[in-house]
Every structure is written in structure tokens, then in C-alpha cells.
């Protein structure tokens, strides 16, 4: 990957939203956006997460970008809520 985040930011790829629940109930189009992602690269000042970690982040805090036909997110480390 040639996107190198600066400072305390990470580049992540958003996980695909599920269309059914664990019990098999189909979810409609009005479902909230997925707020989980997999980290692709980390900036030099990131201390708590690393590449390939799955994370839970604040939904509207990420910057969406498209690079080489793939959608990525750039997220500040402080906006990462948890690792999964």
C-alpha cells in the first residue's frame, strides 16, 4: 500500500456491512453504516493499534478516500473506540 498516514492517523479499509443478524433476520437498507474496519497502515505516532487490527470507530469521524479503485478511511487514533 502506498498511502502512508501522518502523525497519529491510521488508514483502514471499511468492513462489509452484514445483511442479516446472527439469528437470521434480514436487515433493510435503512441500517446504520458499518463502523468497523481493518487497519492497513499506521502513522509514526500511533501507539495503541497496529496493522491488521480490526477496529470500532466513531461513524462520522473518518475521512473517506478512494485510491486505485478501493475505498479507504483515514482515522485519527483518538477516534478509535476499541479493537475487536
Protein backbone atom coordinates (compact mmCIF):
# COMPACT_ATOMS: atom_id res chain seq x y z
CA UNK A 1 0.00 0.00 0.00
CA UNK A 2 1.39 3.39 -0.91
CA UNK A 3 -0.84 5.53 1.37
CA UNK A 4 1.30 6.50 4.36
CA UNK A 5 -0.64 8.27 7.13
CA UNK A 6 0.99 11.10 9.05
CA UNK A 7 1.28 11.62 12.82
CA UNK A 8 -1.43 9.80 14.82
CA UNK A 9 -3.61 8.69 11.91
CA UNK A 10 -4.37 5.24 10.50
CA UNK A 11 -5.53 4.11 7.07
CA UNK A 12 -8.21 1.43 7.23
CA UNK A 13 -10.50 -0.48 4.90
CA UNK A 14 -14.15 -0.48 5.95
CA UNK A 15 -15.59 -3.93 6.70
CA UNK A 16 -18.58 -5.04 4.64
CA UNK A 17 -21.91 -4.41 6.33
CA UNK A 18 -23.83 -7.54 7.20
CA UNK A 19 -27.28 -8.02 5.70
CA UNK A 20 -28.56 -10.48 8.33
CA UNK A 21 -28.36 -10.73 12.10
CA UNK A 22 -26.96 -13.74 13.95
CA UNK A 23 -30.49 -15.12 14.31
CA UNK A 24 -31.16 -14.81 10.55
CA UNK A 25 -33.29 -11.65 10.46
CA UNK A 26 -32.78 -9.70 7.22
CA UNK A 27 -31.77 -6.08 7.67
CA UNK A 28 -33.15 -3.35 5.41
CA UNK A 29 -31.38 -0.53 3.60
CA UNK A 30 -32.01 1.92 6.48
CA UNK A 31 -29.48 0.14 8.69
CA UNK A 32 -26.68 2.32 10.07
CA UNK A 33 -23.35 2.24 8.29
CA UNK A 34 -20.73 -0.21 9.46
CA UNK A 35 -18.35 1.32 11.97
CA UNK A 36 -15.78 -1.45 11.91
CA UNK A 37 -12.68 -1.52 9.75
CA UNK A 38 -9.35 -3.30 9.31
CA UNK A 39 -6.19 -1.23 9.61
CA UNK A 40 -3.99 -1.21 6.50
CA UNK A 41 -1.22 1.16 7.69
CA UNK A 42 -0.41 3.34 10.70
CA UNK A 43 1.31 6.69 11.19
CA UNK A 44 4.57 7.05 13.15
CA UNK A 45 2.91 8.46 16.30
CA UNK A 46 0.26 5.72 16.70
CA UNK A 47 0.79 3.83 19.95
CA UNK A 48 -2.19 1.54 20.63
CA UNK A 49 -3.10 -0.19 17.36
CA UNK A 50 -1.16 -1.90 14.57
CA UNK A 51 -1.62 -3.11 11.01
CA UNK A 52 -4.29 -5.85 10.54
CA UNK A 53 -6.17 -4.92 13.76
CA UNK A 54 -9.96 -4.77 13.43
CA UNK A 55 -11.27 -1.58 15.00
CA UNK A 56 -14.51 0.09 16.02
CA UNK A 57 -14.51 3.83 15.25
CA UNK A 58 -16.79 6.87 15.52
CA UNK A 59 -19.04 6.83 12.47
CA UNK A 60 -18.64 10.44 11.32
CA UNK A 61 -15.03 10.99 12.36
CA UNK A 62 -13.35 9.21 9.43
CA UNK A 63 -12.31 10.77 6.13
CA UNK A 64 -13.38 8.64 3.14
CA UNK A 65 -10.96 8.40 0.20
CA UNK A 66 -10.82 6.31 -2.96
CA UNK A 67 -7.38 5.17 -4.11
CA UNK A 68 -6.73 2.81 -7.03
CA UNK A 69 -10.40 1.84 -7.09
CA UNK A 70 -10.50 0.87 -3.41
CA UNK A 71 -12.31 2.78 -0.65
CA UNK A 72 -10.23 3.63 2.43
CA UNK A 73 -10.74 5.60 5.62
CA UNK A 74 -8.28 7.89 7.37
CA UNK A 75 -8.97 7.98 11.11
CA UNK A 76 -7.25 9.76 14.00
CA UNK A 77 -6.11 7.40 16.74
CA UNK A 78 -8.27 9.23 19.32
CA UNK A 79 -11.41 8.42 17.25
CA UNK A 80 -10.79 4.66 17.51
CA UNK A 81 -13.11 3.36 20.21
CA UNK A 82 -11.96 -0.27 20.51
CA UNK A 83 -10.18 -3.17 18.88
CA UNK A 84 -12.13 -6.32 18.01
